[in-house]
PDB file of N, CA and C in Angstrom:
ATOM      1  N   MET A   1     218.490-170.935 -32.302  1.00  0.00           N
ATOM      2  CA  MET A   1     219.279-169.925 -31.371  1.00  0.00           C
ATOM      3  C   MET A   1     218.793-168.860 -30.226  1.00  0.00           C
ATOM      4  N   ILE A   2     217.584-169.061 -30.149  1.00  0.00           N
ATOM      5  CA  ILE A   2     216.978-168.575 -29.157  1.00  0.00           C
ATOM      6  C   ILE A   2     217.446-169.487 -27.331  1.00  0.00           C
ATOM      7  N   LEU A   3     217.713-171.038 -27.727  1.00  0.00           N
ATOM      8  CA  LEU A   3     218.083-171.738 -26.802  1.00  0.00           C
ATOM      9  C   LEU A   3     219.566-171.321 -26.353  1.00  0.00           C
ATOM     10  N   LYS A   4     220.176-170.791 -27.889  1.00  0.00           N
ATOM     11  CA  LYS A   4     221.537-170.455 -27.353  1.00  0.00           C
ATOM     12  C   LYS A   4     221.445-169.309 -26.738  1.00  0.00           C
ATOM     13  N   VAL A   5     221.108-167.998 -26.795  1.00  0.00           N
ATOM     14  CA  VAL A   5     221.020-166.999 -26.345  1.00  0.00           C
ATOM     15  C   VAL A   5     220.766-166.951 -24.690  1.00  0.00           C
ATOM     16  N   MET A   6     219.455-167.923 -24.315  1.00  0.00           N
ATOM     17  CA  MET A   6     219.368-167.907 -23.163  1.00  0.00           C
ATOM     18  C   MET A   6     220.706-168.424 -22.371  1.00  0.00           C
ATOM     19  N   GLY A   7     221.087-169.535 -22.984  1.00  0.00           N
ATOM     20  CA  GLY A   7     222.427-170.297 -22.267  1.00  0.00           C
ATOM     21  C   GLY A   7     223.451-168.855 -21.955  1.00  0.00           C
ATOM     22  N   LYS A   8     223.816-168.018 -22.883  1.00  0.00           N
ATOM     23  CA  LYS A   8     224.873-166.951 -22.698  1.00  0.00           C
ATOM     24  C   LYS A   8     224.039-166.092 -21.655  1.00  0.00           C
ATOM     25  N   ASP A   9     223.011-166.038 -21.761  1.00  0.00           N
ATOM     26  CA  ASP A   9     222.285-164.886 -20.224  1.00  0.00           C
ATOM     27  C   ASP A   9     222.551-165.531 -19.145  1.00  0.00           C
ATOM     28  N   VAL A  10     222.165-166.893 -19.027  1.00  0.00           N
ATOM     29  CA  VAL A  10     222.075-167.300 -17.810  1.00  0.00           C
ATOM     30  C   VAL A  10     223.313-167.419 -17.346  1.00  0.00           C
ATOM     31  N   GLU A  11     224.549-167.731 -18.113  1.00  0.00           N
ATOM     32  CA  GLU A  11     225.875-168.197 -17.664  1.00  0.00           C
ATOM     33  C   GLU A  11     226.106-166.728 -17.510  1.00  0.00           C
ATOM     34  N   PHE A  12     226.408-165.402 -18.203  1.00  0.00           N
ATOM     35  CA  PHE A  12     226.670-164.438 -17.950  1.00  0.00           C
ATOM     36  C   PHE A  12     226.090-164.123 -16.089  1.00  0.00           C
ATOM     37  N   LEU A  13     224.808-164.267 -16.239  1.00  0.00           N
ATOM     38  CA  LEU A  13     224.030-163.993 -15.196  1.00  0.00           C
ATOM     39  C   LEU A  13     224.454-164.813 -14.055  1.00  0.00           C
ATOM     40  N   TYR A  14     224.879-165.814 -13.514  1.00  0.00           N
ATOM     41  CA  TYR A  14     225.262-166.459 -12.495  1.00  0.00           C
ATOM     42  C   TYR A  14     226.843-166.919 -12.303  1.00  0.00           C
ATOM     43  N   ASP A  15     227.585-166.942 -13.452  1.00  0.00           N
ATOM     44  CA  ASP A  15     229.193-166.600 -13.410  1.00  0.00           C
ATOM     45  C   ASP A  15     229.750-165.900 -13.400  1.00  0.00           C
ATOM     46  N   ILE A  16     229.681-165.033 -14.334  1.00  0.00           N
ATOM     47  CA  ILE A  16     230.271-164.030 -14.949  1.00  0.00           C
ATOM     48  C   ILE A  16     230.302-162.645 -14.018  1.00  0.00           C
ATOM     49  N   MET A  17     228.989-162.397 -13.620  1.00  0.00           N
ATOM     50  CA  MET A  17     228.113-161.015 -13.425  1.00  0.00           C
ATOM     51  C   MET A  17     228.898-161.045 -11.753  1.00  0.00           C
ATOM     52  N   ASP A  18     229.090-162.446 -11.037  1.00  0.00           N
ATOM     53  CA  ASP A  18     229.503-162.282  -9.479  1.00  0.00           C
ATOM     54  C   ASP A  18     230.918-162.091  -9.779  1.00  0.00           C
ATOM     55  N   LYS A  19     231.307-162.025 -10.547  1.00  0.00           N
ATOM     56  CA  LYS A  19     233.033-161.913 -10.691  1.00  0.00           C
ATOM     57  C   LYS A  19     233.334-160.657 -11.198  1.00  0.00           C
ATOM     58  N   TYR A  20     232.535-159.578 -11.961  1.00  0.00           N
ATOM     59  CA  TYR A  20     232.715-158.325 -11.924  1.00  0.00           C
ATOM     60  C   TYR A  20     232.053-157.452 -10.778  1.00  0.00           C
ATOM     61  N   THR A  21     231.149-157.729 -10.082  1.00  0.00           N
ATOM     62  CA  THR A  21     230.938-157.248  -8.825  1.00  0.00           C
ATOM     63  C   THR A  21     231.870-157.133  -7.936  1.00  0.00           C
ATOM     64  N   GLU A  22     232.338-158.487  -7.684  1.00  0.00           N
ATOM     65  CA  GLU A  22     233.748-158.357  -6.965  1.00  0.00           C
ATOM     66  C   GLU A  22     234.287-157.631  -6.953  1.00  0.00           C
ATOM     67  N   ASP A  23     235.067-157.682  -8.565  1.00  0.00           N
ATOM     68  CA  ASP A  23     236.337-157.013  -9.064  1.00  0.00           C
ATOM     69  C   ASP A  23     235.909-155.449  -8.331  1.00  0.00           C
ATOM     70  N   ALA A  24     235.051-155.135  -9.188  1.00  0.00           N
ATOM     71  CA  ALA A  24     234.409-153.531  -8.570  1.00  0.00           C
ATOM     72  C   ALA A  24     234.677-153.562  -7.029  1.00  0.00           C
ATOM     73  N   GLN A  25     233.815-154.251  -6.172  1.00  0.00           N
ATOM     74  CA  GLN A  25     233.753-153.899  -4.875  1.00  0.00           C
ATOM     75  C   GLN A  25     235.492-154.233  -4.047  1.00  0.00           C
ATOM     76  N   LYS A  26     236.119-154.738  -4.980  1.00  0.00           N
ATOM     77  CA  LYS A  26     237.658-154.642  -4.510  1.00  0.00           C
ATOM     78  C   LYS A  26     238.648-153.539  -4.776  1.00  0.00           C
ATOM     79  N   ALA A  27     238.171-152.727  -5.754  1.00  0.00           N
ATOM     80  CA  ALA A  27     238.390-151.924  -6.099  1.00  0.00           C
ATOM     81  C   ALA A  27     237.709-150.405  -5.687  1.00  0.00           C
ATOM     82  N   ASN A  28     237.385-150.591  -4.751  1.00  0.00           N
ATOM     83  CA  ASN A  28     236.202-149.329  -4.277  1.00  0.00           C
ATOM     84  C   ASN A  28     235.350-148.687  -5.019  1.00  0.00           C
ATOM     85  N   LYS A  29     234.505-149.401  -6.080  1.00  0.00           N
ATOM     86  CA  LYS A  29     233.981-148.372  -7.155  1.00  0.00           C
ATOM     87  C   LYS A  29     232.938-148.947  -7.111  1.00  0.00           C
ATOM     88  N   GLU A  30     232.051-148.360  -6.227  1.00  0.00           N
ATOM     89  CA  GLU A  30     230.826-148.389  -4.946  1.00  0.00           C
ATOM     90  C   GLU A  30     229.784-148.384  -6.629  1.00  0.00           C
ATOM     91  N   GLU A  31     229.677-146.913  -7.877  1.00  0.00           N
ATOM     92  CA  GLU A  31     228.500-146.634  -8.315  1.00  0.00           C
ATOM     93  C   GLU A  31     229.091-147.902  -9.424  1.00  0.00           C
ATOM     94  N   LEU A  32     230.140-148.723  -9.667  1.00  0.00           N
ATOM     95  CA  LEU A  32     230.153-149.495 -10.719  1.00  0.00           C
ATOM     96  C   LEU A  32     229.419-151.147 -10.162  1.00  0.00           C
ATOM     97  N   VAL A  33     229.216-151.193  -8.597  1.00  0.00           N
ATOM     98  CA  VAL A  33     229.042-152.349  -8.164  1.00  0.00           C
ATOM     99  C   VAL A  33     227.628-152.444  -8.113  1.00  0.00           C
ATOM    100  N   GLY A  34     226.976-150.701  -8.259  1.00  0.00           N
ATOM    101  CA  GLY A  34     225.927-150.625  -8.241  1.00  0.00           C
ATOM    102  C   GLY A  34     225.282-150.966  -9.540  1.00  0.00           C
ATOM    103  N   THR A  35     226.087-150.669 -10.413  1.00  0.00           N
ATOM    104  CA  THR A  35     225.778-150.722 -12.186  1.00  0.00           C
ATOM    105  C   THR A  35     225.851-152.264 -12.240  1.00  0.00           C
ATOM    106  N   TRP A  36     226.652-153.278 -11.876  1.00  0.00           N
ATOM    107  CA  TRP A  36     226.603-154.852 -12.001  1.00  0.00           C
ATOM    108  C   TRP A  36     225.267-155.236 -11.191  1.00  0.00           C
ATOM    109  N   LYS A  37     225.337-154.715  -9.997  1.00  0.00           N
ATOM    110  CA  LYS A  37     223.489-155.274  -9.394  1.00  0.00           C
ATOM    111  C   LYS A  37     222.646-154.801 -10.090  1.00  0.00           C
ATOM    112  N   LYS A  38     222.810-153.732 -10.508  1.00  0.00           N
ATOM    113  CA  LYS A  38     221.590-153.534 -11.905  1.00  0.00           C
ATOM    114  C   LYS A  38     221.201-154.375 -12.921  1.00  0.00           C
ATOM    115  N   ILE A  39     222.256-154.372 -13.230  1.00  0.00           N
ATOM    116  CA  ILE A  39     222.137-155.252 -14.692  1.00  0.00           C
ATOM    117  C   ILE A  39     221.743-156.664 -14.211  1.00  0.00           C
ATOM    118  N   LYS A  40     222.149-157.512 -13.368  1.00  0.00           N
ATOM    119  CA  LYS A  40     221.945-159.014 -12.654  1.00  0.00           C
ATOM    120  C   LYS A  40     220.489-158.666 -12.144  1.00  0.00           C
ATOM    121  N   SER A  41     220.526-157.357 -11.441  1.00  0.00           N
ATOM    122  CA  SER A  41     218.614-157.924 -11.015  1.00  0.00           C
ATOM    123  C   SER A  41     217.670-157.734 -12.426  1.00  0.00           C
ATOM    124  N   ASP A  42     218.305-157.079 -13.550  1.00  0.00           N
ATOM    125  CA  ASP A  42     217.844-157.338 -15.055  1.00  0.00           C
ATOM    126  C   ASP A  42     217.595-158.399 -15.665  1.00  0.00           C
ATOM    127  N   ARG A  43     218.551-158.835 -15.319  1.00  0.00           N
ATOM    128  CA  ARG A  43     218.794-160.329 -16.541  1.00  0.00           C
ATOM    129  C   ARG A  43     217.424-161.278 -16.457  1.00  0.00           C
ATOM    130  N   PRO A  44     217.001-161.533 -14.700  1.00  0.00           N
ATOM    131  CA  PRO A  44     216.076-162.860 -14.970  1.00  0.00           C
ATOM    132  C   PRO A  44     214.835-162.348 -15.906  1.00  0.00           C
ATOM    133  N   THR A  45     214.616-161.019 -16.078  1.00  0.00           N
ATOM    134  CA  THR A  45     213.814-160.780 -17.026  1.00  0.00           C
ATOM    135  C   THR A  45     214.019-160.950 -18.418  1.00  0.00           C
ATOM    136  N   HIS A  46     215.115-161.002 -18.429  1.00  0.00           N
ATOM    137  CA  HIS A  46     215.395-160.791 -20.423  1.00  0.00           C
ATOM    138  C   HIS A  46     215.157-162.859 -20.326  1.00  0.00           C
ATOM    139  N   VAL A  47     215.860-163.412 -19.273  1.00  0.00           N
ATOM    140  CA  VAL A  47     215.852-164.703 -19.776  1.00  0.00           C
ATOM    141  C   VAL A  47     214.326-165.285 -19.489  1.00  0.00           C
ATOM    142  N   THR A  48     213.705-164.868 -18.749  1.00  0.00           N
ATOM    143  CA  THR A  48     211.799-164.847 -19.159  1.00  0.00           C
ATOM    144  C   THR A  48     211.494-164.131 -20.479  1.00  0.00           C
ATOM    145  N   LEU A  49     211.842-163.858 -20.783  1.00  0.00           N
ATOM    146  CA  LEU A  49     211.457-163.277 -22.029  1.00  0.00           C
ATOM    147  C   LEU A  49     211.533-164.136 -23.061  1.00  0.00           C
ATOM    148  N   LEU A  50     213.183-164.832 -23.018  1.00  0.00           N
ATOM    149  CA  LEU A  50     213.722-165.280 -24.112  1.00  0.00           C
ATOM    150  C   LEU A  50     213.097-166.955 -24.391  1.00  0.00           C
ATOM    151  N   LYS A  51     212.705-167.490 -22.672  1.00  0.00           N
ATOM    152  CA  LYS A  51     211.683-168.661 -22.482  1.00  0.00           C
ATOM    153  C   LYS A  51     210.346-168.726 -23.520  1.00  0.00           C
ATOM    154  N   GLU A  52     209.899-167.515 -22.649  1.00  0.00           N
ATOM    155  CA  GLU A  52     208.367-167.287 -23.469  1.00  0.00           C
ATOM    156  C   GLU A  52     208.477-167.567 -25.221  1.00  0.00           C
ATOM    157  N   ALA A  53     209.581-166.570 -25.783  1.00  0.00           N
ATOM    158  CA  ALA A  53     209.583-166.829 -27.027  1.00  0.00           C
ATOM    159  C   ALA A  53     210.194-168.265 -27.510  1.00  0.00           C
ATOM    160  N   LEU A  54     211.088-169.093 -26.947  1.00  0.00           N
ATOM    161  CA  LEU A  54     211.152-170.218 -27.107  1.00  0.00           C
ATOM    162  C   LEU A  54     210.102-171.299 -27.270  1.00  0.00           C
ATOM    163  N   LEU A  55     209.320-170.916 -26.006  1.00  0.00           N
ATOM    164  CA  LEU A  55     207.818-171.563 -26.130  1.00  0.00           C
ATOM    165  C   LEU A  55     207.274-171.309 -27.727  1.00  0.00           C
ATOM    166  N   LYS A  56     206.665-170.649 -27.449  1.00  0.00           N
ATOM    167  CA  LYS A  56     206.252-169.689 -28.586  1.00  0.00           C
ATOM    168  C   LYS A  56     206.689-170.420 -29.981  1.00  0.00           C
ATOM    169  N   GLU A  57     207.938-170.665 -30.211  1.00  0.00           N
ATOM    170  CA  GLU A  57     208.355-171.627 -31.283  1.00  0.00           C
ATOM    171  C   GLU A  57     208.157-172.776 -31.003  1.00  0.00           C
ATOM    172  N   ILE A  58     208.314-173.520 -30.063  1.00  0.00           N
ATOM    173  CA  ILE A  58     207.966-174.669 -30.006  1.00  0.00           C
ATOM    174  C   ILE A  58     207.009-175.197 -30.152  1.00  0.00           C
ATOM    175  N   HIS A  59     205.766-174.480 -29.570  1.00  0.00           N
ATOM    176  CA  HIS A  59     204.389-174.569 -29.744  1.00  0.00           C
ATOM    177  C   HIS A  59     203.562-174.165 -31.196  1.00  0.00           C
ATOM    178  N   GLY A  60     204.248-173.171 -31.954  1.00  0.00           N
ATOM    179  CA  GLY A  60     203.322-172.819 -32.788  1.00  0.00           C
ATOM    180  C   GLY A  60     202.823-171.657 -32.814  1.00  0.00           C
ATOM    181  N   VAL A  61     203.102-170.898 -31.468  1.00  0.00           N
ATOM    182  CA  VAL A  61     201.890-170.138 -31.340  1.00  0.00           C
ATOM    183  C   VAL A  61     202.265-168.499 -31.780  1.00  0.00           C
TER     184      VAL A  61
END
């Protein structure tokens, strides 16, 4: 389960997020661009948390 969520987070971060940001830029929606950029900057933290949880599950810590 954790690995599946990590995969979705990474996919969202690197594939979909750039598209959403680009669409907002084309529509001149700067506030929305800022929102997507903030979400993108927060996502690596989520991926790190999931990675740590996965390692704990694997090693039984």
